[in-house]
Amino acid sequence: VQLAESGGSSVQAGGSLKLSCTGSKFSAISSCMAWFRRAPGNERETVAVIDSDGSTNYADSVKGRFTSSKDSTSNLYLEMNDLKPKESAMYYCAGDRWRCTLINGSPSMVYVGYTAWGQGTQVTVSS
């Protein structure tokens, strides 16, 4: 199973982008899905996680600016507002065919063992 991201682009600081993630033979609507990012020289970071029931969890650095959602056609989205230059990175989506692991009642931000991954889409934020 493979996932495919799209929507990455170059924007100026303060701008917005909406990333999409689709998967063949993979139903995002019934799965635990996540967005990660990795900038050159940095470790991979979990940005957002969304469970099959729509519950979400976000990295502290993006709370209030990023929103992850799913639609009825199994697409996953990440809407990003007020982007900052330090958020320039390759953004990846990932998923499992089951519900998210919960920590304190919220989808885990530390779980990285997803079975399906995309190739990534580049987001570049200029100052």
Protein backbone atom coordinates (compact mmCIF):
# COMPACT_ATOMS: atom_id res chain seq x y z
CA VAL A 1 0.00 0.00 0.00
CA GLN A 2 1.36 3.38 -0.93
CA LEU A 3 0.24 6.84 -0.10
CA ALA A 4 0.78 9.92 -2.24
CA GLU A 5 1.05 13.48 -1.00
CA SER A 6 0.44 16.60 -3.03
CA GLY A 7 0.07 20.31 -2.49
CA GLY A 8 3.57 21.22 -1.48
CA SER A 9 4.84 24.50 -2.83
CA SER A 10 6.86 27.62 -2.10
CA VAL A 11 5.15 30.33 -0.09
CA GLN A 12 6.13 33.41 1.81
CA ALA A 13 6.15 33.55 5.58
CA GLY A 14 2.62 33.99 6.87
CA GLY A 15 1.15 32.20 3.90
CA SER A 16 -1.01 29.10 3.75
CA LEU A 17 -0.93 25.74 2.04
CA LYS A 18 -3.19 22.71 2.01
CA LEU A 19 -1.56 19.32 1.60
CA SER A 20 -3.45 16.26 0.44
CA CYS A 21 -2.76 12.57 0.86
CA THR A 22 -4.44 9.77 -1.04
CA GLY A 23 -3.90 6.04 -1.05
CA SER A 24 -4.85 3.28 -3.40
CA LYS A 25 -6.62 0.44 -1.63
CA PHE A 26 -6.34 2.38 1.59
CA SER A 27 -9.21 3.97 3.40
CA ALA A 28 -8.01 7.00 5.31
CA ILE A 29 -11.45 7.42 6.78
CA SER A 30 -11.19 4.23 8.83
CA SER A 31 -7.53 4.44 9.68
CA CYS A 32 -5.09 6.18 11.93
CA MET A 33 -3.32 8.76 9.78
CA ALA A 34 -0.48 11.12 10.49
CA TRP A 35 1.55 13.92 8.99
CA PHE A 36 5.31 14.12 9.53
CA ARG A 37 7.93 16.56 8.33
CA ARG A 38 11.66 16.43 8.01
CA ALA A 39 13.96 19.32 7.27
CA PRO A 40 17.56 18.78 6.12
CA GLY A 41 19.75 18.06 9.12
CA ASN A 42 16.79 17.62 11.44
CA GLU A 43 15.00 14.59 12.81
CA ARG A 44 11.60 13.61 11.52
CA GLU A 45 8.86 15.34 13.47
CA THR A 46 5.24 14.32 13.95
CA VAL A 47 3.08 17.25 12.95
CA ALA A 48 -0.46 15.90 13.31
CA VAL A 49 -2.31 12.67 13.93
CA ILE A 50 -5.96 11.98 13.14
CA ASP A 51 -7.82 8.90 14.29
CA SER A 52 -10.61 7.02 12.56
CA ASP A 53 -13.19 8.86 14.68
CA GLY A 54 -11.76 12.23 13.63
CA SER A 55 -10.01 12.99 16.90
CA THR A 56 -6.75 14.82 16.38
CA ASN A 57 -3.51 15.69 18.05
CA TYR A 58 -0.90 18.23 17.00
CA ALA A 59 2.64 19.21 17.76
CA ASP A 60 2.70 22.16 20.13
CA SER A 61 4.47 24.28 17.52
CA VAL A 62 1.57 24.04 15.07
CA LYS A 63 -1.45 24.09 17.36
CA GLY A 64 -3.91 26.75 16.29
CA ARG A 65 -2.33 27.07 12.82
CA PHE A 66 -2.51 23.57 11.30
CA THR A 67 -5.63 21.46 10.87
CA SER A 68 -5.75 17.85 9.75
CA SER A 69 -8.95 16.38 8.34
CA LYS A 70 -10.33 13.55 6.26
CA ASP A 71 -13.14 13.43 3.75
CA SER A 72 -15.61 10.72 2.84
CA THR A 73 -13.56 9.70 -0.19
CA SER A 74 -10.62 8.63 1.96
CA ASN A 75 -8.46 11.67 1.36
CA LEU A 76 -6.36 13.14 4.14
CA TYR A 77 -5.59 16.83 4.37
CA LEU A 78 -3.30 19.15 6.27
CA GLU A 79 -4.25 22.79 6.17
CA MET A 80 -1.35 24.99 7.23
CA ASN A 81 -1.71 28.67 8.04
CA ASP A 82 0.75 31.35 9.10
CA LEU A 83 3.67 29.29 7.87
CA LYS A 84 7.15 30.09 9.14
CA PRO A 85 10.50 29.72 7.36
CA LYS A 86 11.64 27.12 9.91
CA GLU A 87 8.74 24.93 8.76
CA SER A 88 10.31 24.41 5.37
CA ALA A 89 10.60 20.64 5.06
CA MET A 90 9.50 17.54 3.23
CA TYR A 91 6.05 16.64 4.50
CA TYR A 92 4.94 13.02 4.59
CA CYS A 93 1.67 11.29 5.31
CA ALA A 94 1.48 7.86 6.90
CA GLY A 95 -1.24 5.50 8.00
CA ASP A 96 -2.31 2.25 9.56
CA ARG A 97 -5.44 0.21 8.84
CA TRP A 98 -6.58 0.44 12.43
CA ARG A 99 -7.23 2.99 15.11
CA CYS A 100 -4.49 5.10 16.62
CA THR A 101 -2.69 4.18 19.79
CA LEU A 102 -4.04 6.51 22.46
CA ILE A 103 -1.99 8.22 25.13
CA ASN A 104 -3.99 10.01 27.80
CA GLY A 105 -7.01 9.71 25.54
CA SER A 106 -5.43 11.39 22.51
CA PRO A 107 -3.85 9.88 19.38
CA SER A 108 -0.20 9.20 20.06
CA MET A 109 2.33 11.65 18.69
CA VAL A 110 5.25 9.31 19.36
CA TYR A 111 4.12 6.27 17.38
CA VAL A 112 6.07 5.96 14.11
CA GLY A 113 5.43 2.35 13.10
CA TYR A 114 2.92 3.17 10.39
CA THR A 115 2.64 0.54 7.68
CA ALA A 116 1.95 2.91 4.79
CA TRP A 117 4.01 5.96 3.88
CA GLY A 118 4.07 8.49 1.10
CA GLN A 119 7.08 9.82 -0.79
CA GLY A 120 6.65 13.32 0.56
CA THR A 121 5.84 16.75 -0.77
CA GLN A 122 8.18 19.73 -0.38
CA VAL A 123 7.08 22.83 1.48
CA THR A 124 9.36 25.86 1.28
CA VAL A 125 8.61 28.99 3.27
CA SER A 126 10.61 32.08 2.45
CA SER A 127 11.08 35.07 4.73
